[in-house]
């Protein structure tokens, strides 16, 4: 059974995003993205526009290359704060348990 058209397109958008995630600093040109994903240039244009519109990618003004947006860095920082808070809570619980033993 084949995927509905929107699911297939969504999957390809995510493929483009996954490739971009490995190129945060310098991004990729549309042709490099096409080569890395085996997608046609018109499809790359459409998928990149979708990612930019959703806030997941951005064009580097000086080069026109595409990279993941800073949204991912902000998410990573948020996750790290949550992990640090959980670690602190675990340390606190561990210390309380160790004093009772």
PDB file of N, CA and C in Angstrom:
ATOM      1  N   UNK A   1       0.847  -1.174   0.000  1.00  0.00           N
ATOM      2  CA  UNK A   1       0.000   0.000   0.000  1.00  0.00           C
ATOM      3  C   UNK A   1       0.897   1.243   0.000  1.00  0.00           C
ATOM      4  N   UNK A   2       0.651   2.175  -0.885  1.00  0.00           N
ATOM      5  CA  UNK A   2       1.485   3.373  -0.987  1.00  0.00           C
ATOM      6  C   UNK A   2       1.003   4.438  -0.008  1.00  0.00           C
ATOM      7  N   UNK A   3       1.918   5.341   0.333  1.00  0.00           N
ATOM      8  CA  UNK A   3       1.584   6.436   1.241  1.00  0.00           C
ATOM      9  C   UNK A   3       0.723   7.462   0.527  1.00  0.00           C
ATOM     10  N   UNK A   4      -0.177   8.119   1.259  1.00  0.00           N
ATOM     11  CA  UNK A   4      -0.883   9.243   0.649  1.00  0.00           C
ATOM     12  C   UNK A   4       0.132  10.308   0.225  1.00  0.00           C
ATOM     13  N   UNK A   5      -0.233  11.089  -0.779  1.00  0.00           N
ATOM     14  CA  UNK A   5       0.683  12.083  -1.347  1.00  0.00           C
ATOM     15  C   UNK A   5       1.228  13.047  -0.291  1.00  0.00           C
ATOM     16  N   UNK A   6       0.374  13.515   0.627  1.00  0.00           N
ATOM     17  CA  UNK A   6       0.844  14.466   1.641  1.00  0.00           C
ATOM     18  C   UNK A   6       1.833  13.828   2.604  1.00  0.00           C
ATOM     19  N   UNK A   7       1.647  12.548   2.921  1.00  0.00           N
ATOM     20  CA  UNK A   7       2.596  11.861   3.803  1.00  0.00           C
ATOM     21  C   UNK A   7       3.936  11.689   3.107  1.00  0.00           C
ATOM     22  N   UNK A   8       3.914  11.345   1.833  1.00  0.00           N
ATOM     23  CA  UNK A   8       5.160  11.179   1.078  1.00  0.00           C
ATOM     24  C   UNK A   8       5.903  12.507   1.004  1.00  0.00           C
ATOM     25  N   UNK A   9       5.178  13.600   0.743  1.00  0.00           N
ATOM     26  CA  UNK A   9       5.811  14.922   0.678  1.00  0.00           C
ATOM     27  C   UNK A   9       6.364  15.303   2.042  1.00  0.00           C
ATOM     28  N   UNK A  10       5.600  15.042   3.101  1.00  0.00           N
ATOM     29  CA  UNK A  10       6.068  15.342   4.447  1.00  0.00           C
ATOM     30  C   UNK A  10       7.326  14.576   4.782  1.00  0.00           C
ATOM     31  N   UNK A  11       7.388  13.340   4.368  1.00  0.00           N
ATOM     32  CA  UNK A  11       8.568  12.512   4.607  1.00  0.00           C
ATOM     33  C   UNK A  11       9.781  13.089   3.887  1.00  0.00           C
ATOM     34  N   UNK A  12       9.579  13.592   2.694  1.00  0.00           N
ATOM     35  CA  UNK A  12      10.690  14.179   1.932  1.00  0.00           C
ATOM     36  C   UNK A  12      11.141  15.504   2.541  1.00  0.00           C
ATOM     37  N   UNK A  13      10.213  16.283   3.062  1.00  0.00           N
ATOM     38  CA  UNK A  13      10.577  17.524   3.761  1.00  0.00           C
ATOM     39  C   UNK A  13      11.468  17.177   4.953  1.00  0.00           C
ATOM     40  N   UNK A  14      11.097  16.127   5.671  1.00  0.00           N
ATOM     41  CA  UNK A  14      11.904  15.706   6.818  1.00  0.00           C
ATOM     42  C   UNK A  14      13.270  15.175   6.373  1.00  0.00           C
ATOM     43  N   UNK A  15      13.323  14.514   5.215  1.00  0.00           N
ATOM     44  CA  UNK A  15      14.620  14.076   4.681  1.00  0.00           C
ATOM     45  C   UNK A  15      15.528  15.282   4.444  1.00  0.00           C
ATOM     46  N   UNK A  16      14.963  16.338   3.869  1.00  0.00           N
ATOM     47  CA  UNK A  16      15.736  17.562   3.617  1.00  0.00           C
ATOM     48  C   UNK A  16      16.201  18.149   4.946  1.00  0.00           C
ATOM     49  N   UNK A  17      15.316  18.201   5.927  1.00  0.00           N
ATOM     50  CA  UNK A  17      15.678  18.740   7.235  1.00  0.00           C
ATOM     51  C   UNK A  17      16.780  17.906   7.888  1.00  0.00           C
ATOM     52  N   UNK A  18      16.688  16.600   7.793  1.00  0.00           N
ATOM     53  CA  UNK A  18      17.726  15.733   8.369  1.00  0.00           C
ATOM     54  C   UNK A  18      19.088  15.996   7.746  1.00  0.00           C
ATOM     55  N   UNK A  19      19.129  16.211   6.459  1.00  0.00           N
ATOM     56  CA  UNK A  19      20.400  16.527   5.790  1.00  0.00           C
ATOM     57  C   UNK A  19      20.904  17.884   6.275  1.00  0.00           C
ATOM     58  N   UNK A  20      20.011  18.860   6.358  1.00  0.00           N
ATOM     59  CA  UNK A  20      20.412  20.194   6.813  1.00  0.00           C
ATOM     60  C   UNK A  20      20.984  20.172   8.225  1.00  0.00           C
ATOM     61  N   UNK A  21      20.451  19.313   9.077  1.00  0.00           N
ATOM     62  CA  UNK A  21      20.891  19.276  10.478  1.00  0.00           C
ATOM     63  C   UNK A  21      22.384  18.995  10.602  1.00  0.00           C
ATOM     64  N   UNK A  22      22.965  18.356   9.636  1.00  0.00           N
ATOM     65  CA  UNK A  22      24.398  18.098   9.668  1.00  0.00           C
ATOM     66  C   UNK A  22      25.237  19.247   9.143  1.00  0.00           C
ATOM     67  N   UNK A  23      24.580  20.350   8.791  1.00  0.00           N
ATOM     68  CA  UNK A  23      25.286  21.482   8.178  1.00  0.00           C
ATOM     69  C   UNK A  23      24.811  22.798   8.780  1.00  0.00           C
ATOM     70  N   UNK A  24      24.796  22.846  10.111  1.00  0.00           N
ATOM     71  CA  UNK A  24      24.249  24.013  10.803  1.00  0.00           C
ATOM     72  C   UNK A  24      25.073  25.277  10.546  1.00  0.00           C
ATOM     73  N   UNK A  25      26.377  25.166  10.581  1.00  0.00           N
ATOM     74  CA  UNK A  25      27.229  26.359  10.508  1.00  0.00           C
ATOM     75  C   UNK A  25      27.224  27.016   9.135  1.00  0.00           C
ATOM     76  N   UNK A  26      27.422  26.237   8.076  1.00  0.00           N
ATOM     77  CA  UNK A  26      27.594  26.821   6.742  1.00  0.00           C
ATOM     78  C   UNK A  26      26.432  26.547   5.796  1.00  0.00           C
ATOM     79  N   UNK A  27      25.526  25.670   6.190  1.00  0.00           N
ATOM     80  CA  UNK A  27      24.388  25.366   5.343  1.00  0.00           C
ATOM     81  C   UNK A  27      24.776  24.650   4.069  1.00  0.00           C
ATOM     82  N   UNK A  28      23.812  24.470   3.201  1.00  0.00           N
ATOM     83  CA  UNK A  28      24.010  23.822   1.903  1.00  0.00           C
ATOM     84  C   UNK A  28      23.330  24.647   0.822  1.00  0.00           C
ATOM     85  N   UNK A  29      23.864  24.573  -0.362  1.00  0.00           N
ATOM     86  CA  UNK A  29      23.202  25.205  -1.503  1.00  0.00           C
ATOM     87  C   UNK A  29      22.044  24.306  -1.933  1.00  0.00           C
ATOM     88  N   UNK A  30      21.077  24.860  -2.655  1.00  0.00           N
ATOM     89  CA  UNK A  30      19.991  24.010  -3.147  1.00  0.00           C
ATOM     90  C   UNK A  30      20.498  22.828  -3.985  1.00  0.00           C
ATOM     91  N   UNK A  31      21.525  23.042  -4.789  1.00  0.00           N
ATOM     92  CA  UNK A  31      22.038  21.928  -5.607  1.00  0.00           C
ATOM     93  C   UNK A  31      22.697  20.863  -4.736  1.00  0.00           C
ATOM     94  N   UNK A  32      23.383  21.279  -3.677  1.00  0.00           N
ATOM     95  CA  UNK A  32      23.977  20.302  -2.752  1.00  0.00           C
ATOM     96  C   UNK A  32      22.879  19.516  -2.033  1.00  0.00           C
ATOM     97  N   UNK A  33      21.808  20.197  -1.675  1.00  0.00           N
ATOM     98  CA  UNK A  33      20.674  19.511  -1.046  1.00  0.00           C
ATOM     99  C   UNK A  33      20.032  18.510  -2.000  1.00  0.00           C
ATOM    100  N   UNK A  34      19.878  18.911  -3.247  1.00  0.00           N
ATOM    101  CA  UNK A  34      19.297  18.011  -4.245  1.00  0.00           C
ATOM    102  C   UNK A  34      20.158  16.763  -4.393  1.00  0.00           C
ATOM    103  N   UNK A  35      21.456  16.950  -4.466  1.00  0.00           N
ATOM    104  CA  UNK A  35      22.368  15.822  -4.617  1.00  0.00           C
ATOM    105  C   UNK A  35      22.333  14.917  -3.386  1.00  0.00           C
ATOM    106  N   UNK A  36      22.318  15.509  -2.201  1.00  0.00           N
ATOM    107  CA  UNK A  36      22.345  14.738  -0.956  1.00  0.00           C
ATOM    108  C   UNK A  36      21.058  13.955  -0.707  1.00  0.00           C
ATOM    109  N   UNK A  37      19.947  14.426  -1.272  1.00  0.00           N
ATOM    110  CA  UNK A  37      18.653  13.790  -1.019  1.00  0.00           C
ATOM    111  C   UNK A  37      18.093  13.045  -2.216  1.00  0.00           C
ATOM    112  N   UNK A  38      18.758  13.162  -3.352  1.00  0.00           N
ATOM    113  CA  UNK A  38      18.256  12.569  -4.606  1.00  0.00           C
ATOM    114  C   UNK A  38      16.882  13.114  -4.988  1.00  0.00           C
ATOM    115  N   UNK A  39      16.649  14.378  -4.641  1.00  0.00           N
ATOM    116  CA  UNK A  39      15.401  15.035  -5.026  1.00  0.00           C
ATOM    117  C   UNK A  39      15.689  16.059  -6.117  1.00  0.00           C
ATOM    118  N   UNK A  40      14.689  16.355  -6.916  1.00  0.00           N
ATOM    119  CA  UNK A  40      14.865  17.305  -8.011  1.00  0.00           C
ATOM    120  C   UNK A  40      14.976  18.727  -7.467  1.00  0.00           C
ATOM    121  N   UNK A  41      15.669  19.611  -8.200  1.00  0.00           N
ATOM    122  CA  UNK A  41      15.757  21.012  -7.757  1.00  0.00           C
ATOM    123  C   UNK A  41      14.399  21.680  -7.514  1.00  0.00           C
ATOM    124  N   UNK A  42      13.378  21.462  -8.380  1.00  0.00           N
ATOM    125  CA  UNK A  42      12.080  22.086  -8.072  1.00  0.00           C
ATOM    126  C   UNK A  42      11.488  21.578  -6.747  1.00  0.00           C
ATOM    127  N   UNK A  43      11.673  20.287  -6.458  1.00  0.00           N
ATOM    128  CA  UNK A  43      11.176  19.759  -5.187  1.00  0.00           C
ATOM    129  C   UNK A  43      11.954  20.348  -4.018  1.00  0.00           C
ATOM    130  N   UNK A  44      13.266  20.486  -4.169  1.00  0.00           N
ATOM    131  CA  UNK A  44      14.083  21.097  -3.112  1.00  0.00           C
ATOM    132  C   UNK A  44      13.581  22.509  -2.834  1.00  0.00           C
ATOM    133  N   UNK A  45      13.318  23.269  -3.879  1.00  0.00           N
ATOM    134  CA  UNK A  45      12.810  24.640  -3.718  1.00  0.00           C
ATOM    135  C   UNK A  45      11.520  24.639  -2.904  1.00  0.00           C
ATOM    136  N   UNK A  46      10.625  23.737  -3.236  1.00  0.00           N
ATOM    137  CA  UNK A  46       9.332  23.652  -2.546  1.00  0.00           C
ATOM    138  C   UNK A  46       9.512  23.211  -1.090  1.00  0.00           C
ATOM    139  N   UNK A  47      10.332  22.192  -0.852  1.00  0.00           N
ATOM    140  CA  UNK A  47      10.522  21.677   0.505  1.00  0.00           C
ATOM    141  C   UNK A  47      11.259  22.682   1.384  1.00  0.00           C
ATOM    142  N   UNK A  48      12.240  23.360   0.823  1.00  0.00           N
ATOM    143  CA  UNK A  48      12.966  24.387   1.584  1.00  0.00           C
ATOM    144  C   UNK A  48      12.015  25.534   1.941  1.00  0.00           C
ATOM    145  N   UNK A  49      11.167  25.931   0.999  1.00  0.00           N
ATOM    146  CA  UNK A  49      10.188  26.995   1.281  1.00  0.00           C
ATOM    147  C   UNK A  49       9.271  26.585   2.427  1.00  0.00           C
ATOM    148  N   UNK A  50       8.869  25.320   2.448  1.00  0.00           N
ATOM    149  CA  UNK A  50       8.033  24.808   3.533  1.00  0.00           C
ATOM    150  C   UNK A  50       8.763  24.899   4.867  1.00  0.00           C
ATOM    151  N   UNK A  51      10.040  24.477   4.887  1.00  0.00           N
ATOM    152  CA  UNK A  51      10.828  24.519   6.119  1.00  0.00           C
ATOM    153  C   UNK A  51      11.056  25.947   6.602  1.00  0.00           C
ATOM    154  N   UNK A  52      11.328  26.853   5.669  1.00  0.00           N
ATOM    155  CA  UNK A  52      11.537  28.261   6.043  1.00  0.00           C
ATOM    156  C   UNK A  52      10.242  28.858   6.589  1.00  0.00           C
ATOM    157  N   UNK A  53       9.143  28.607   5.908  1.00  0.00           N
ATOM    158  CA  UNK A  53       7.849  29.143   6.340  1.00  0.00           C
ATOM    159  C   UNK A  53       7.468  28.630   7.737  1.00  0.00           C
ATOM    160  N   UNK A  54       7.826  27.383   8.032  1.00  0.00           N
ATOM    161  CA  UNK A  54       7.511  26.795   9.341  1.00  0.00           C
ATOM    162  C   UNK A  54       8.529  27.167  10.414  1.00  0.00           C
ATOM    163  N   UNK A  55       9.598  27.865  10.020  1.00  0.00           N
ATOM    164  CA  UNK A  55      10.586  28.299  10.987  1.00  0.00           C
ATOM    165  C   UNK A  55      11.669  27.280  11.303  1.00  0.00           C
ATOM    166  N   UNK A  56      11.769  26.227  10.501  1.00  0.00           N
ATOM    167  CA  UNK A  56      12.766  25.186  10.748  1.00  0.00           C
ATOM    168  C   UNK A  56      14.063  25.384   9.964  1.00  0.00           C
ATOM    169  N   UNK A  57      14.061  26.252   8.987  1.00  0.00           N
ATOM    170  CA  UNK A  57      15.260  26.513   8.188  1.00  0.00           C
ATOM    171  C   UNK A  57      15.309  27.999   7.866  1.00  0.00           C
ATOM    172  N   UNK A  58      16.505  28.429   7.459  1.00  0.00           N
ATOM    173  CA  UNK A  58      16.686  29.834   7.080  1.00  0.00           C
ATOM    174  C   UNK A  58      17.763  29.921   6.011  1.00  0.00           C
ATOM    175  N   UNK A  59      17.698  30.991   5.239  1.00  0.00           N
ATOM    176  CA  UNK A  59      18.754  31.266   4.261  1.00  0.00           C
ATOM    177  C   UNK A  59      19.817  32.119   4.922  1.00  0.00           C
ATOM    178  N   UNK A  60      21.059  31.811   4.631  1.00  0.00           N
ATOM    179  CA  UNK A  60      22.159  32.630   5.121  1.00  0.00           C
ATOM    180  C   UNK A  60      22.231  33.838   4.192  1.00  0.00           C
ATOM    181  N   UNK A  61      21.997  35.036   4.705  1.00  0.00           N
ATOM    182  CA  UNK A  61      21.906  36.212   3.832  1.00  0.00           C
ATOM    183  C   UNK A  61      23.134  36.432   2.943  1.00  0.00           C
ATOM    184  N   UNK A  62      24.319  36.203   3.487  1.00  0.00           N
ATOM    185  CA  UNK A  62      25.545  36.476   2.724  1.00  0.00           C
ATOM    186  C   UNK A  62      25.797  35.484   1.597  1.00  0.00           C
ATOM    187  N   UNK A  63      25.312  34.256   1.748  1.00  0.00           N
ATOM    188  CA  UNK A  63      25.642  33.215   0.763  1.00  0.00           C
ATOM    189  C   UNK A  63      24.440  32.633   0.037  1.00  0.00           C
ATOM    190  N   UNK A  64      23.244  32.806   0.602  1.00  0.00           N
ATOM    191  CA  UNK A  64      22.050  32.211   0.008  1.00  0.00           C
ATOM    192  C   UNK A  64      21.915  30.728   0.310  1.00  0.00           C
ATOM    193  N   UNK A  65      22.857  30.182   1.070  1.00  0.00           N
ATOM    194  CA  UNK A  65      22.792  28.774   1.435  1.00  0.00           C
ATOM    195  C   UNK A  65      21.699  28.585   2.488  1.00  0.00           C
ATOM    196  N   UNK A  66      21.264  27.349   2.649  1.00  0.00           N
ATOM    197  CA  UNK A  66      20.175  27.040   3.568  1.00  0.00           C
ATOM    198  C   UNK A  66      20.741  26.263   4.753  1.00  0.00           C
ATOM    199  N   UNK A  67      20.287  26.631   5.949  1.00  0.00           N
ATOM    200  CA  UNK A  67      20.724  25.923   7.154  1.00  0.00           C
ATOM    201  C   UNK A  67      19.528  25.774   8.093  1.00  0.00           C
ATOM    202  N   UNK A  68      19.652  24.886   9.081  1.00  0.00           N
ATOM    203  CA  UNK A  68      18.587  24.799  10.082  1.00  0.00           C
ATOM    204  C   UNK A  68      18.498  26.127  10.827  1.00  0.00           C
ATOM    205  N   UNK A  69      17.323  26.488  11.271  1.00  0.00           N
ATOM    206  CA  UNK A  69      17.162  27.749  11.992  1.00  0.00           C
ATOM    207  C   UNK A  69      17.685  27.614  13.418  1.00  0.00           C
ATOM    208  N   UNK A  70      17.812  28.737  14.073  1.00  0.00           N
ATOM    209  CA  UNK A  70      18.268  28.745  15.461  1.00  0.00           C
ATOM    210  C   UNK A  70      17.233  28.121  16.395  1.00  0.00           C
ATOM    211  N   UNK A  71      16.060  27.845  15.870  1.00  0.00           N
ATOM    212  CA  UNK A  71      15.017  27.184  16.653  1.00  0.00           C
ATOM    213  C   UNK A  71      15.553  25.894  17.284  1.00  0.00           C
ATOM    214  N   UNK A  72      16.416  25.176  16.554  1.00  0.00           N
ATOM    215  CA  UNK A  72      16.955  23.915  17.058  1.00  0.00           C
ATOM    216  C   UNK A  72      17.942  24.140  18.190  1.00  0.00           C
ATOM    217  N   UNK A  73      18.734  25.190  18.090  1.00  0.00           N
ATOM    218  CA  UNK A  73      19.664  25.509  19.172  1.00  0.00           C
ATOM    219  C   UNK A  73      18.883  25.875  20.432  1.00  0.00           C
ATOM    220  N   UNK A  74      17.806  26.624  20.261  1.00  0.00           N
ATOM    221  CA  UNK A  74      16.971  26.989  21.409  1.00  0.00           C
ATOM    222  C   UNK A  74      16.330  25.756  22.039  1.00  0.00           C
ATOM    223  N   UNK A  75      15.871  24.825  21.200  1.00  0.00           N
ATOM    224  CA  UNK A  75      15.298  23.574  21.703  1.00  0.00           C
ATOM    225  C   UNK A  75      16.345  22.765  22.451  1.00  0.00           C
ATOM    226  N   UNK A  76      17.556  22.699  21.907  1.00  0.00           N
ATOM    227  CA  UNK A  76      18.632  21.950  22.558  1.00  0.00           C
ATOM    228  C   UNK A  76      18.942  22.550  23.924  1.00  0.00           C
ATOM    229  N   UNK A  77      18.969  23.861  24.001  1.00  0.00           N
ATOM    230  CA  UNK A  77      19.231  24.527  25.284  1.00  0.00           C
ATOM    231  C   UNK A  77      18.111  24.230  26.285  1.00  0.00           C
ATOM    232  N   UNK A  78      16.887  24.216  25.820  1.00  0.00           N
ATOM    233  CA  UNK A  78      15.752  23.909  26.678  1.00  0.00           C
ATOM    234  C   UNK A  78      15.842  22.478  27.201  1.00  0.00           C
ATOM    235  N   UNK A  79      16.207  21.558  26.338  1.00  0.00           N
ATOM    236  CA  UNK A  79      16.365  20.158  26.748  1.00  0.00           C
ATOM    237  C   UNK A  79      17.484  20.034  27.777  1.00  0.00           C
ATOM    238  N   UNK A  80      18.588  20.732  27.541  1.00  0.00           N
ATOM    239  CA  UNK A  80      19.697  20.675  28.495  1.00  0.00           C
ATOM    240  C   UNK A  80      19.282  21.223  29.864  1.00  0.00           C
ATOM    241  N   UNK A  81      18.491  22.302  29.883  1.00  0.00           N
ATOM    242  CA  UNK A  81      18.012  22.834  31.162  1.00  0.00           C
ATOM    243  C   UNK A  81      17.128  21.813  31.876  1.00  0.00           C
ATOM    244  N   UNK A  82      16.281  21.117  31.122  1.00  0.00           N
ATOM    245  CA  UNK A  82      15.427  20.085  31.715  1.00  0.00           C
ATOM    246  C   UNK A  82      16.256  18.935  32.267  1.00  0.00           C
ATOM    247  N   UNK A  83      17.259  18.529  31.522  1.00  0.00           N
ATOM    248  CA  UNK A  83      18.132  17.447  31.988  1.00  0.00           C
ATOM    249  C   UNK A  83      18.880  17.881  33.241  1.00  0.00           C
ATOM    250  N   UNK A  84      19.388  19.112  33.252  1.00  0.00           N
ATOM    251  CA  UNK A  84      20.090  19.626  34.429  1.00  0.00           C
ATOM    252  C   UNK A  84      19.164  19.671  35.647  1.00  0.00           C
ATOM    253  N   UNK A  85      17.922  20.096  35.437  1.00  0.00           N
ATOM    254  CA  UNK A  85      16.961  20.147  36.543  1.00  0.00           C
ATOM    255  C   UNK A  85      16.666  18.738  37.054  1.00  0.00           C
ATOM    256  N   UNK A  86      16.508  17.796  36.135  1.00  0.00           N
ATOM    257  CA  UNK A  86      16.254  16.409  36.536  1.00  0.00           C
ATOM    258  C   UNK A  86      17.463  15.842  37.277  1.00  0.00           C
ATOM    259  N   UNK A  87      18.659  16.155  36.790  1.00  0.00           N
ATOM    260  CA  UNK A  87      19.879  15.693  37.452  1.00  0.00           C
ATOM    261  C   UNK A  87      19.954  16.259  38.870  1.00  0.00           C
ATOM    262  N   UNK A  88      19.636  17.521  39.028  1.00  0.00           N
ATOM    263  CA  UNK A  88      19.636  18.146  40.344  1.00  0.00           C
ATOM    264  C   UNK A  88      18.652  17.470  41.277  1.00  0.00           C
ATOM    265  N   UNK A  89      17.470  17.172  40.757  1.00  0.00           N
ATOM    266  CA  UNK A  89      16.445  16.492  41.572  1.00  0.00           C
ATOM    267  C   UNK A  89      16.921  15.101  41.966  1.00  0.00           C
ATOM    268  N   UNK A  90      17.527  14.370  41.025  1.00  0.00           N
ATOM    269  CA  UNK A  90      18.048  13.038  41.336  1.00  0.00           C
ATOM    270  C   UNK A  90      19.167  13.099  42.372  1.00  0.00           C
ATOM    271  N   UNK A  91      20.054  14.086  42.235  1.00  0.00           N
ATOM    272  CA  UNK A  91      21.129  14.259  43.221  1.00  0.00           C
ATOM    273  C   UNK A  91      20.554  14.536  44.601  1.00  0.00           C
ATOM    274  N   UNK A  92      19.519  15.373  44.638  1.00  0.00           N
ATOM    275  CA  UNK A  92      18.873  15.702  45.910  1.00  0.00           C
ATOM    276  C   UNK A  92      18.250  14.455  46.538  1.00  0.00           C
ATOM    277  N   UNK A  93      17.530  13.676  45.717  1.00  0.00           N
ATOM    278  CA  UNK A  93      16.913  12.453  46.231  1.00  0.00           C
ATOM    279  C   UNK A  93      17.969  11.446  46.693  1.00  0.00           C
ATOM    280  N   UNK A  94      19.010  11.321  45.925  1.00  0.00           N
ATOM    281  CA  UNK A  94      20.094  10.405  46.275  1.00  0.00           C
ATOM    282  C   UNK A  94      20.729  10.798  47.602  1.00  0.00           C
ATOM    283  N   UNK A  95      20.974  12.088  47.779  1.00  0.00           N
ATOM    284  CA  UNK A  95      21.569  12.570  49.030  1.00  0.00           C
ATOM    285  C   UNK A  95      20.630  12.295  50.213  1.00  0.00           C
ATOM    286  N   UNK A  96      19.339  12.501  50.031  1.00  0.00           N
ATOM    287  CA  UNK A  96      18.379  12.228  51.106  1.00  0.00           C
ATOM    288  C   UNK A  96      18.338  10.756  51.445  1.00  0.00           C
ATOM    289  N   UNK A  97      18.383   9.901  50.420  1.00  0.00           N
ATOM    290  CA  UNK A  97      18.351   8.458  50.662  1.00  0.00           C
ATOM    291  C   UNK A  97      19.634   7.984  51.342  1.00  0.00           C
ATOM    292  N   UNK A  98      20.765   8.528  50.927  1.00  0.00           N
ATOM    293  CA  UNK A  98      22.047   8.121  51.508  1.00  0.00           C
ATOM    294  C   UNK A  98      22.166   8.520  52.966  1.00  0.00           C
ATOM    295  N   UNK A  99      21.529   9.599  53.376  1.00  0.00           N
ATOM    296  CA  UNK A  99      21.612  10.010  54.784  1.00  0.00           C
ATOM    297  C   UNK A  99      20.732   9.133  55.669  1.00  0.00           C
ATOM    298  N   UNK A 100      19.769   8.436  55.071  1.00  0.00           N
ATOM    299  CA  UNK A 100      18.868   7.570  55.835  1.00  0.00           C
ATOM    300  C   UNK A 100      19.396   6.149  55.950  1.00  0.00           C
ATOM    301  N   UNK A 101      20.420   5.832  55.210  1.00  0.00           N
ATOM    302  CA  UNK A 101      20.961   4.458  55.220  1.00  0.00           C
ATOM    303  C   UNK A 101      21.974   4.280  56.293  1.00  0.00           C
TER     304      UNK A 101
END
